[in-house]
Amino acid sequence: MPEISAGDAAAYLNAHHIERPWLAAARDCGPEVQRIFAELDQGGGHAHIRHEGWVTEEMNEQRVAYLEDAGGD
């Protein structure tokens, strides 16, 4: 994942929240939350929705805590 500053993260969220609606949720959050959203969005992975319901809670936790993709693709 790219590492960006809190100021750059806020600017990224403001610039991209229309075409990337999942970023809107973080626009009113603190700088660390905004930074994480911006970094994850720029990380090059695929959308979580792609797993379409077969992901377990444990798989979600692994994805967030260790940046693991349970689907392997």
N, C-alpha and C. Protein backbone atom coordinates (compact mmCIF):
# COMPACT_ATOMS: atom_id res chain seq x y z
N MET A 1 0.84 -1.19 0.00
CA MET A 1 0.00 0.00 0.00
C MET A 1 0.87 1.24 0.00
N PRO A 2 0.42 2.25 -0.68
CA PRO A 2 1.17 3.51 -0.65
C PRO A 2 0.99 4.18 0.71
N GLU A 3 2.00 4.85 1.16
CA GLU A 3 1.89 5.60 2.42
C GLU A 3 1.73 7.07 2.07
N ILE A 4 0.64 7.67 2.54
CA ILE A 4 0.38 9.08 2.24
C ILE A 4 0.13 9.85 3.53
N SER A 5 0.32 11.15 3.48
CA SER A 5 0.12 11.99 4.66
C SER A 5 -1.37 12.21 4.91
N ALA A 6 -1.70 12.65 6.11
CA ALA A 6 -3.09 12.93 6.46
C ALA A 6 -3.67 14.02 5.56
N GLY A 7 -2.88 15.04 5.26
CA GLY A 7 -3.35 16.11 4.39
C GLY A 7 -3.61 15.63 2.97
N ASP A 8 -2.73 14.79 2.46
CA ASP A 8 -2.92 14.23 1.12
C ASP A 8 -4.12 13.29 1.10
N ALA A 9 -4.35 12.58 2.20
CA ALA A 9 -5.49 11.68 2.27
C ALA A 9 -6.80 12.45 2.21
N ALA A 10 -6.90 13.54 2.96
CA ALA A 10 -8.11 14.36 2.93
C ALA A 10 -8.36 14.91 1.54
N ALA A 11 -7.31 15.36 0.89
CA ALA A 11 -7.44 15.88 -0.47
C ALA A 11 -7.88 14.78 -1.43
N TYR A 12 -7.34 13.58 -1.27
CA TYR A 12 -7.71 12.44 -2.11
C TYR A 12 -9.19 12.11 -1.95
N LEU A 13 -9.66 12.05 -0.70
CA LEU A 13 -11.07 11.74 -0.44
C LEU A 13 -11.97 12.80 -1.06
N ASN A 14 -11.61 14.06 -0.90
CA ASN A 14 -12.41 15.15 -1.48
C ASN A 14 -12.43 15.10 -3.00
N ALA A 15 -11.32 14.72 -3.59
CA ALA A 15 -11.23 14.70 -5.05
C ALA A 15 -11.93 13.50 -5.68
N HIS A 16 -12.06 12.40 -4.94
CA HIS A 16 -12.53 11.15 -5.56
C HIS A 16 -13.82 10.58 -4.98
N HIS A 17 -14.44 11.24 -4.02
CA HIS A 17 -15.61 10.64 -3.35
C HIS A 17 -16.83 10.51 -4.26
N ILE A 18 -16.93 11.27 -5.31
CA ILE A 18 -18.09 11.17 -6.21
C ILE A 18 -18.02 9.88 -7.03
N GLU A 19 -16.89 9.63 -7.69
CA GLU A 19 -16.78 8.43 -8.52
C GLU A 19 -16.42 7.18 -7.72
N ARG A 20 -16.03 7.35 -6.45
CA ARG A 20 -15.68 6.23 -5.58
C ARG A 20 -16.47 6.40 -4.27
N PRO A 21 -17.78 6.10 -4.30
CA PRO A 21 -18.67 6.44 -3.18
C PRO A 21 -18.28 5.83 -1.83
N TRP A 22 -17.53 4.76 -1.82
CA TRP A 22 -17.10 4.17 -0.55
C TRP A 22 -16.17 5.10 0.21
N LEU A 23 -15.58 6.08 -0.44
CA LEU A 23 -14.71 7.04 0.24
C LEU A 23 -15.50 8.08 1.02
N ALA A 24 -16.76 8.30 0.63
CA ALA A 24 -17.58 9.32 1.29
C ALA A 24 -17.75 9.03 2.78
N ALA A 25 -17.77 7.76 3.15
CA ALA A 25 -17.96 7.39 4.55
C ALA A 25 -16.86 7.93 5.45
N ALA A 26 -15.69 8.16 4.91
CA ALA A 26 -14.55 8.61 5.72
C ALA A 26 -14.33 10.12 5.69
N ARG A 27 -15.09 10.83 4.89
CA ARG A 27 -14.83 12.27 4.73
C ARG A 27 -14.99 13.07 6.02
N ASP A 28 -15.86 12.65 6.92
CA ASP A 28 -16.06 13.37 8.19
C ASP A 28 -15.35 12.71 9.36
N CYS A 29 -14.48 11.75 9.08
CA CYS A 29 -13.74 11.04 10.13
C CYS A 29 -12.42 11.74 10.40
N GLY A 30 -11.74 11.26 11.42
CA GLY A 30 -10.44 11.81 11.78
C GLY A 30 -9.37 11.52 10.74
N PRO A 31 -8.24 12.19 10.83
CA PRO A 31 -7.18 12.07 9.83
C PRO A 31 -6.64 10.65 9.66
N GLU A 32 -6.53 9.88 10.72
CA GLU A 32 -6.01 8.52 10.59
C GLU A 32 -6.96 7.62 9.82
N VAL A 33 -8.26 7.78 10.05
CA VAL A 33 -9.25 7.01 9.31
C VAL A 33 -9.21 7.41 7.84
N GLN A 34 -9.15 8.69 7.57
CA GLN A 34 -9.07 9.16 6.19
C GLN A 34 -7.82 8.63 5.50
N ARG A 35 -6.72 8.62 6.21
CA ARG A 35 -5.47 8.12 5.64
C ARG A 35 -5.59 6.65 5.28
N ILE A 36 -6.18 5.86 6.15
CA ILE A 36 -6.35 4.42 5.89
C ILE A 36 -7.25 4.20 4.68
N PHE A 37 -8.37 4.92 4.61
CA PHE A 37 -9.27 4.78 3.46
C PHE A 37 -8.54 5.13 2.16
N ALA A 38 -7.80 6.23 2.17
CA ALA A 38 -7.10 6.66 0.97
C ALA A 38 -6.01 5.66 0.58
N GLU A 39 -5.26 5.16 1.55
CA GLU A 39 -4.21 4.19 1.27
C GLU A 39 -4.79 2.89 0.72
N LEU A 40 -5.86 2.40 1.36
CA LEU A 40 -6.48 1.17 0.88
C LEU A 40 -7.04 1.34 -0.52
N ASP A 41 -7.64 2.49 -0.78
CA ASP A 41 -8.22 2.72 -2.10
C ASP A 41 -7.15 2.76 -3.18
N GLN A 42 -5.97 3.20 -2.85
CA GLN A 42 -4.88 3.28 -3.82
C GLN A 42 -4.03 2.02 -3.84
N GLY A 43 -4.39 1.04 -3.04
CA GLY A 43 -3.57 -0.16 -2.87
C GLY A 43 -3.58 -1.14 -4.02
N GLY A 44 -4.48 -1.01 -4.96
CA GLY A 44 -4.46 -1.88 -6.12
C GLY A 44 -5.17 -3.21 -5.96
N GLY A 45 -5.84 -3.44 -4.86
CA GLY A 45 -6.59 -4.68 -4.69
C GLY A 45 -7.91 -4.63 -5.43
N HIS A 46 -8.75 -5.59 -5.16
CA HIS A 46 -10.06 -5.58 -5.79
C HIS A 46 -11.15 -5.34 -4.74
N ALA A 47 -12.29 -4.96 -5.22
CA ALA A 47 -13.40 -4.61 -4.32
C ALA A 47 -13.88 -5.81 -3.53
N HIS A 48 -14.22 -5.58 -2.30
CA HIS A 48 -14.71 -6.62 -1.40
C HIS A 48 -16.00 -7.24 -1.93
N ILE A 49 -16.82 -6.45 -2.59
CA ILE A 49 -18.10 -6.94 -3.11
C ILE A 49 -17.89 -8.09 -4.09
N ARG A 50 -16.73 -8.18 -4.67
CA ARG A 50 -16.44 -9.23 -5.63
C ARG A 50 -16.60 -10.63 -5.03
N HIS A 51 -16.50 -10.75 -3.73
CA HIS A 51 -16.63 -12.05 -3.06
C HIS A 51 -18.08 -12.49 -2.88
N GLU A 52 -19.01 -11.60 -3.12
CA GLU A 52 -20.44 -11.86 -3.20
C GLU A 52 -21.01 -12.81 -2.14
N GLY A 53 -20.75 -12.54 -0.89
CA GLY A 53 -21.44 -13.24 0.19
C GLY A 53 -20.81 -14.51 0.73
N TRP A 54 -19.81 -15.07 0.09
CA TRP A 54 -19.23 -16.30 0.62
C TRP A 54 -18.11 -16.04 1.61
N VAL A 55 -17.77 -14.79 1.86
CA VAL A 55 -16.70 -14.45 2.80
C VAL A 55 -17.20 -14.56 4.24
N THR A 56 -16.44 -15.25 5.07
CA THR A 56 -16.78 -15.38 6.49
C THR A 56 -16.27 -14.17 7.27
N GLU A 57 -16.73 -14.03 8.48
CA GLU A 57 -16.26 -12.93 9.33
C GLU A 57 -14.76 -13.06 9.59
N GLU A 58 -14.29 -14.29 9.77
CA GLU A 58 -12.86 -14.50 9.98
C GLU A 58 -12.05 -14.04 8.74
N MET A 59 -12.57 -14.31 7.56
CA MET A 59 -11.90 -13.87 6.34
C MET A 59 -11.87 -12.34 6.26
N ASN A 60 -12.96 -11.69 6.69
CA ASN A 60 -12.99 -10.23 6.72
C ASN A 60 -11.92 -9.70 7.67
N GLU A 61 -11.81 -10.32 8.84
CA GLU A 61 -10.81 -9.88 9.82
C GLU A 61 -9.40 -10.04 9.27
N GLN A 62 -9.12 -11.15 8.60
CA GLN A 62 -7.80 -11.37 8.01
C GLN A 62 -7.49 -10.32 6.94
N ARG A 63 -8.50 -9.99 6.16
CA ARG A 63 -8.33 -9.02 5.08
C ARG A 63 -7.94 -7.66 5.64
N VAL A 64 -8.62 -7.25 6.70
CA VAL A 64 -8.36 -5.94 7.29
C VAL A 64 -7.08 -5.93 8.12
N ALA A 65 -6.91 -6.92 8.98
CA ALA A 65 -5.77 -6.92 9.90
C ALA A 65 -4.44 -7.19 9.20
N TYR A 66 -4.45 -8.08 8.22
CA TYR A 66 -3.19 -8.51 7.61
C TYR A 66 -3.11 -8.24 6.11
N LEU A 67 -4.12 -7.50 5.57
CA LEU A 67 -4.18 -7.17 4.15
C LEU A 67 -4.11 -8.43 3.29
N GLU A 68 -4.75 -9.51 3.78
CA GLU A 68 -4.80 -10.77 3.04
C GLU A 68 -6.07 -10.82 2.22
N ASP A 69 -5.97 -11.36 1.03
CA ASP A 69 -7.13 -11.57 0.19
C ASP A 69 -7.49 -13.05 0.25
N ALA A 70 -8.57 -13.35 0.94
CA ALA A 70 -8.98 -14.74 1.15
C ALA A 70 -9.28 -15.45 -0.16
N GLY A 71 -9.65 -14.70 -1.19
CA GLY A 71 -9.97 -15.32 -2.46
C GLY A 71 -8.75 -15.66 -3.28
N GLY A 72 -7.63 -15.08 -2.94
CA GLY A 72 -6.39 -15.37 -3.64
C GLY A 72 -6.30 -14.81 -5.05
N ASP A 73 -7.22 -13.91 -5.41
CA ASP A 73 -7.15 -13.33 -6.76
C ASP A 73 -7.29 -11.83 -6.73
